[in-house]
Amino acid sequence: MAEFTLELNDDQKQVRDWLHGFAADVIRPAASEWDEREETPWPVIQEAAKVGIYSLDFYAQQFFDPTGLGIPMAMEELFWGDAGIALSIVGTGLAAVGVLANGTEEQIGTWIPQMYGDADDVKVAAFCSSEPDAGSDVASMRTRAVYDQAKDEWVLNGTKTWATNGGIAGVHVVVAVVDPELGSKGHASFIVPPDTPGLSQGQKFKKHGIRASHTAEVVLEDVRVPGHCLLGGQEKLDQRLARARERAASGGGRVKNAAMATFEASRPAVGAMAVGTARAAYEVALEYAKTRTQFGRPIIDNQGVAFQLADMRTQIDAARLLVWRASWMAATGKPFTSAEGSMSKLYASETAKKVTAQAVQILGGNGFTREYPVERMHRDAAIYTIFEGTSEIQRLVIARTLSGMPIR
């Protein structure tokens, strides 16, 4: 078991520096353009594929880093570059995690490579869980999957929303209800292969931030997928549903939920994204405060500014420590007995919103214009307290874990 340490090894430092260079040289110069265009930055994704950042091999190496720090380190550096472009680069990872968390070895080997494509033919994937009336309330999910035994096919109907890469993806991973009576315990995940009839893109959202990342509805109308596209397989699903029915009959117990398994694995990574954005804004504010002169001296000479920067840096480092702890615990098999994964996502997300707002304030009028990047960073940071579980949901998870009570 890897010991917890705050010191990166030589290999990790080399990867970190490589990612930082890509973020500085490729992502940042393109950030403003793609934010204004509100389009998927395919040329940047292709550049990431050419150097090996956008690839199954790269993410596998980071995912299986025994210290658990590979993924959060990578997320922080890429999102330090720009959150919208970085999310376009890493958004496929959520669908991949969905397959890793719920799929068989054969499904993992078959579908994850297709999610990325290659440098000459880049692909993206989408994880589709949220619905117009079922975001945090997963028990209200309406998308249905019905098994057609005669054809060994699952038939999916419903509408998904807030799907990163939704509609433009080759492979979609869709969470659907297979047993409505079991509520959130009656869900399963399905692979929808490329060019499957009945799947279409609905509304594309024009967003406040992360505008270079494509977010849209996904409409499923009599979408038929082969039986082998049920993640985990039929036998595993039957066993899980049987356990859920037994627990429901006895009035207690918990059963793993398909969507929640994905989010549990990804929350510290989202925290790392938030740390990257916060760090970027802090660095801009620090440099500005050292060079901006008012009343004959740099504004950092004023305690009102200097103390803000001190708090910003302290909060960023504290957020990173929570993210690294949760990532290390997940990698080494230590249970989140105090909801440490949710803690890391909650604190890092709130830190990003606060730090980017302080950065705008330190830059004053300049911070409110698009001539300086902190305006974009502040808009981008708003998403971290919303997606993959709002801050309110994270607090609920933490409170329930600590108290053992069904807090509502």
Foldseek 3Di string as FASTA:
>chain_A
DDDADPDDDPVLVVVLVVLLVLLVPPQQVCAVVLLVVLAAPVVSLLVCQVVPNQAPVQVVVQPQPLQLCSLLSNLLSNLLSPLLNSCSSCVLVLVLLLLVLFADPVCNVPPSRVQAPGSVDGFHEKEFQADPVPAPQSLPFDWAWEADVVQQKTWTFDKTFFIFCAAVGQKYKYKHAHDNVLRQLRIFIFIQGGPFPQKHWDDWDCALASSNITTTMIGGDRGIDHQNRTGNHDVVSVVSVVVSVVQVVVVDDDGDGSSVSSLLLCLLSLLSSLLSLLVSLLVVLVVQQQPDDDPHHRNCVDCVSVVLSVVLVVLSVVLVVLSSVSSSCVSNVNDPLQLSSLVSLLSSLVSSLVSLVSSLVSVDPVSCDPVDCSVNSNSHSNCSCPPSAHSVRSVQVNVCSVPVDNDD
